[in-house]
Amino acid sequence: VFCSPHKAAAPRIYDSVTDTVTTPSGVWGTAGISNFIGCALLPDGRVFVMPYVSTTARIYDPVTDTTVIPPGTYPGGGAFHGALTLRDGRVFCPPFGSAAAYIAATGYGFDPDPQFTTSPFYNRY
């Protein structure tokens, strides 16, 4: 289980088989600040970590224990809350303090590059 680092200095990974908790590699931010909130499992097993106050997302690879900062800038300030993997492998970023939802490209689907694109279409009711 990947635990997103909401106010922690780093995320944690809980292994239910061994009943252990480990800390993955990567740069995550400062403890006490709501840098990230929520995450989404990508089709290849990597984890997309949703920014909250941070202006950059993270993608963690549990096979290699590496964390990358994908291209793209997020508004920060609590703009999004949670994350949902779409069928094509991109990640839907539900609005919280933002007026629009975002779609984060992750190297799957229609966009082969892991870049960030906005889509106000998904925020219409």
C-alpha atoms as a PDB file:
ATOM      1  CA  VAL A   1       0.000   0.000   0.000  1.00  0.00           C
ATOM      2  CA  PHE A   2       1.480   3.338  -1.042  1.00  0.00           C
ATOM      3  CA  CYS A   3       0.660   6.079   1.486  1.00  0.00           C
ATOM      4  CA  SER A   4       0.775   9.582   0.009  1.00  0.00           C
ATOM      5  CA  PRO A   5       2.818  12.067   2.095  1.00  0.00           C
ATOM      6  CA  HIS A   6       0.136  14.627   2.931  1.00  0.00           C
ATOM      7  CA  LYS A   7       1.966  16.331   5.828  1.00  0.00           C
ATOM      8  CA  ALA A   8       4.889  13.937   6.119  1.00  0.00           C
ATOM      9  CA  ALA A   9       8.399  14.488   4.769  1.00  0.00           C
ATOM     10  CA  ALA A  10       8.090  11.316   2.656  1.00  0.00           C
ATOM     11  CA  PRO A  11       5.509   8.694   1.716  1.00  0.00           C
ATOM     12  CA  ARG A  12       5.426   5.254   3.261  1.00  0.00           C
ATOM     13  CA  ILE A  13       4.863   1.821   1.770  1.00  0.00           C
ATOM     14  CA  TYR A  14       3.094  -0.814   3.832  1.00  0.00           C
ATOM     15  CA  ASP A  15       3.717  -4.452   2.923  1.00  0.00           C
ATOM     16  CA  SER A  16       0.864  -6.564   4.289  1.00  0.00           C
ATOM     17  CA  VAL A  17       2.733  -9.827   3.629  1.00  0.00           C
ATOM     18  CA  THR A  18       5.720  -8.935   5.799  1.00  0.00           C
ATOM     19  CA  ASP A  19       3.849  -6.421   8.006  1.00  0.00           C
ATOM     20  CA  THR A  20       6.585  -3.828   7.417  1.00  0.00           C
ATOM     21  CA  VAL A  21       6.678  -0.150   6.522  1.00  0.00           C
ATOM     22  CA  THR A  22       9.400   1.311   4.292  1.00  0.00           C
ATOM     23  CA  THR A  23      10.223   4.774   2.973  1.00  0.00           C
ATOM     24  CA  PRO A  24      10.680   5.068  -0.800  1.00  0.00           C
ATOM     25  CA  SER A  25      13.437   7.112  -2.389  1.00  0.00           C
ATOM     26  CA  GLY A  26      12.884  10.557  -3.831  1.00  0.00           C
ATOM     27  CA  VAL A  27      12.497  14.209  -2.935  1.00  0.00           C
ATOM     28  CA  TRP A  28       9.089  14.873  -1.422  1.00  0.00           C
ATOM     29  CA  GLY A  29       9.067  18.132   0.516  1.00  0.00           C
ATOM     30  CA  THR A  30       8.963  19.362   4.078  1.00  0.00           C
ATOM     31  CA  ALA A  31       7.125  17.715   6.970  1.00  0.00           C
ATOM     32  CA  GLY A  32       4.111  19.675   8.166  1.00  0.00           C
ATOM     33  CA  ILE A  33       3.245  21.036   4.722  1.00  0.00           C
ATOM     34  CA  SER A  34       0.449  19.451   2.675  1.00  0.00           C
ATOM     35  CA  ASN A  35       2.621  18.866  -0.389  1.00  0.00           C
ATOM     36  CA  PHE A  36       0.722  15.881  -1.802  1.00  0.00           C
ATOM     37  CA  ILE A  37      -2.710  14.355  -1.384  1.00  0.00           C
ATOM     38  CA  GLY A  38      -3.807  11.095  -2.907  1.00  0.00           C
ATOM     39  CA  CYS A  39      -2.283   8.896  -5.570  1.00  0.00           C
ATOM     40  CA  ALA A  40      -3.268   6.674  -8.466  1.00  0.00           C
ATOM     41  CA  LEU A  41      -1.883   3.317  -9.584  1.00  0.00           C
ATOM     42  CA  LEU A  42      -0.741   3.398 -13.218  1.00  0.00           C
ATOM     43  CA  PRO A  43      -1.211   0.372 -15.517  1.00  0.00           C
ATOM     44  CA  ASP A  44       2.490  -0.544 -15.326  1.00  0.00           C
ATOM     45  CA  GLY A  45       2.566  -0.566 -11.503  1.00  0.00           C
ATOM     46  CA  ARG A  46       4.054   2.894 -11.005  1.00  0.00           C
ATOM     47  CA  VAL A  47       2.267   5.321  -8.664  1.00  0.00           C
ATOM     48  CA  PHE A  48       1.220   8.851  -9.654  1.00  0.00           C
ATOM     49  CA  VAL A  49       1.294  11.093  -6.562  1.00  0.00           C
ATOM     50  CA  MET A  50      -1.082  14.051  -6.732  1.00  0.00           C
ATOM     51  CA  PRO A  51       0.236  17.490  -5.728  1.00  0.00           C
ATOM     52  CA  TYR A  52      -1.776  19.572  -3.290  1.00  0.00           C
ATOM     53  CA  VAL A  53       0.399  22.512  -2.224  1.00  0.00           C
ATOM     54  CA  SER A  54       3.317  21.336  -4.383  1.00  0.00           C
ATOM     55  CA  THR A  55       3.446  22.644  -7.949  1.00  0.00           C
ATOM     56  CA  THR A  56       4.886  19.387  -9.289  1.00  0.00           C
ATOM     57  CA  ALA A  57       3.610  15.805  -9.244  1.00  0.00           C
ATOM     58  CA  ARG A  58       5.684  12.682  -8.582  1.00  0.00           C
ATOM     59  CA  ILE A  59       5.715   9.242 -10.201  1.00  0.00           C
ATOM     60  CA  TYR A  60       7.151   6.473  -8.043  1.00  0.00           C
ATOM     61  CA  ASP A  61       8.383   3.176  -9.513  1.00  0.00           C
ATOM     62  CA  PRO A  62       8.311   0.416  -6.857  1.00  0.00           C
ATOM     63  CA  VAL A  63      10.334  -1.987  -9.024  1.00  0.00           C
ATOM     64  CA  THR A  64      13.356   0.319  -9.220  1.00  0.00           C
ATOM     65  CA  ASP A  65      12.628   2.391  -6.063  1.00  0.00           C
ATOM     66  CA  THR A  66      12.955   5.596  -8.074  1.00  0.00           C
ATOM     67  CA  THR A  67      10.887   8.748  -8.078  1.00  0.00           C
ATOM     68  CA  VAL A  68      10.651  11.170 -10.988  1.00  0.00           C
ATOM     69  CA  ILE A  69       9.070  14.583 -11.317  1.00  0.00           C
ATOM     70  CA  PRO A  70       7.074  14.452 -14.544  1.00  0.00           C
ATOM     71  CA  PRO A  71       6.926  17.528 -16.793  1.00  0.00           C
ATOM     72  CA  GLY A  72       4.125  19.952 -16.079  1.00  0.00           C
ATOM     73  CA  THR A  73       3.263  22.559 -13.513  1.00  0.00           C
ATOM     74  CA  TYR A  74       0.306  22.461 -11.150  1.00  0.00           C
ATOM     75  CA  PRO A  75      -1.218  25.543  -9.513  1.00  0.00           C
ATOM     76  CA  GLY A  76      -0.659  24.348  -5.920  1.00  0.00           C
ATOM     77  CA  GLY A  77      -2.711  25.955  -3.163  1.00  0.00           C
ATOM     78  CA  GLY A  78      -5.036  22.976  -2.771  1.00  0.00           C
ATOM     79  CA  ALA A  79      -6.224  23.051  -6.389  1.00  0.00           C
ATOM     80  CA  PHE A  80      -6.805  19.290  -6.628  1.00  0.00           C
ATOM     81  CA  HIS A  81      -7.783  16.533  -4.241  1.00  0.00           C
ATOM     82  CA  GLY A  82      -7.269  12.854  -4.990  1.00  0.00           C
ATOM     83  CA  ALA A  83      -6.411  11.214  -8.303  1.00  0.00           C
ATOM     84  CA  LEU A  84      -8.095   8.687 -10.578  1.00  0.00           C
ATOM     85  CA  THR A  85      -6.497   6.550 -13.288  1.00  0.00           C
ATOM     86  CA  LEU A  86      -8.402   6.708 -16.568  1.00  0.00           C
ATOM     87  CA  ARG A  87      -8.730   3.687 -18.845  1.00  0.00           C
ATOM     88  CA  ASP A  88      -5.999   4.985 -21.160  1.00  0.00           C
ATOM     89  CA  GLY A  89      -3.461   5.406 -18.330  1.00  0.00           C
ATOM     90  CA  ARG A  90      -3.692   9.159 -17.890  1.00  0.00           C
ATOM     91  CA  VAL A  91      -4.667  10.535 -14.472  1.00  0.00           C
ATOM     92  CA  PHE A  92      -7.777  12.621 -13.776  1.00  0.00           C
ATOM     93  CA  CYS A  93      -7.132  15.353 -11.205  1.00  0.00           C
ATOM     94  CA  PRO A  94     -10.448  16.285  -9.524  1.00  0.00           C
ATOM     95  CA  PRO A  95     -10.822  19.973  -8.680  1.00  0.00           C
ATOM     96  CA  PHE A  96     -10.902  21.056  -5.049  1.00  0.00           C
ATOM     97  CA  GLY A  97      -9.803  24.699  -4.935  1.00  0.00           C
ATOM     98  CA  SER A  98      -9.511  24.916  -8.715  1.00  0.00           C
ATOM     99  CA  ALA A  99     -12.256  25.968 -11.124  1.00  0.00           C
ATOM    100  CA  ALA A 100     -11.266  23.209 -13.579  1.00  0.00           C
ATOM    101  CA  ALA A 101     -10.179  19.595 -13.499  1.00  0.00           C
ATOM    102  CA  TYR A 102      -6.875  18.590 -15.095  1.00  0.00           C
ATOM    103  CA  ILE A 103      -5.729  15.517 -16.961  1.00  0.00           C
ATOM    104  CA  ALA A 104      -2.147  14.446 -16.250  1.00  0.00           C
ATOM    105  CA  ALA A 105      -0.519  12.551 -19.110  1.00  0.00           C
ATOM    106  CA  THR A 106       1.645   9.705 -17.846  1.00  0.00           C
ATOM    107  CA  GLY A 107       3.048   8.219 -21.064  1.00  0.00           C
ATOM    108  CA  TYR A 108      -0.074   6.216 -21.882  1.00  0.00           C
ATOM    109  CA  GLY A 109      -3.041   6.712 -24.153  1.00  0.00           C
ATOM    110  CA  PHE A 110      -3.212   9.450 -26.711  1.00  0.00           C
ATOM    111  CA  ASP A 111      -0.195  11.376 -25.464  1.00  0.00           C
ATOM    112  CA  PRO A 112       3.068   9.391 -25.533  1.00  0.00           C
ATOM    113  CA  ASP A 113       4.953  12.049 -23.563  1.00  0.00           C
ATOM    114  CA  PRO A 114       4.416  12.475 -19.817  1.00  0.00           C
ATOM    115  CA  GLN A 115       3.304  16.075 -20.080  1.00  0.00           C
ATOM    116  CA  PHE A 116       0.538  17.914 -18.356  1.00  0.00           C
ATOM    117  CA  THR A 117      -2.551  19.034 -20.260  1.00  0.00           C
ATOM    118  CA  THR A 118      -5.628  20.854 -19.056  1.00  0.00           C
ATOM    119  CA  SER A 119      -9.144  19.914 -19.999  1.00  0.00           C
ATOM    120  CA  PRO A 120     -12.042  22.105 -18.841  1.00  0.00           C
ATOM    121  CA  PHE A 121     -14.387  19.563 -20.498  1.00  0.00           C
ATOM    122  CA  TYR A 122     -14.147  17.317 -17.442  1.00  0.00           C
ATOM    123  CA  ASN A 123     -15.355  20.036 -15.087  1.00  0.00           C
ATOM    124  CA  ARG A 124     -18.756  20.627 -16.716  1.00  0.00           C
ATOM    125  CA  TYR A 125     -21.906  19.658 -14.871  1.00  0.00           C
END
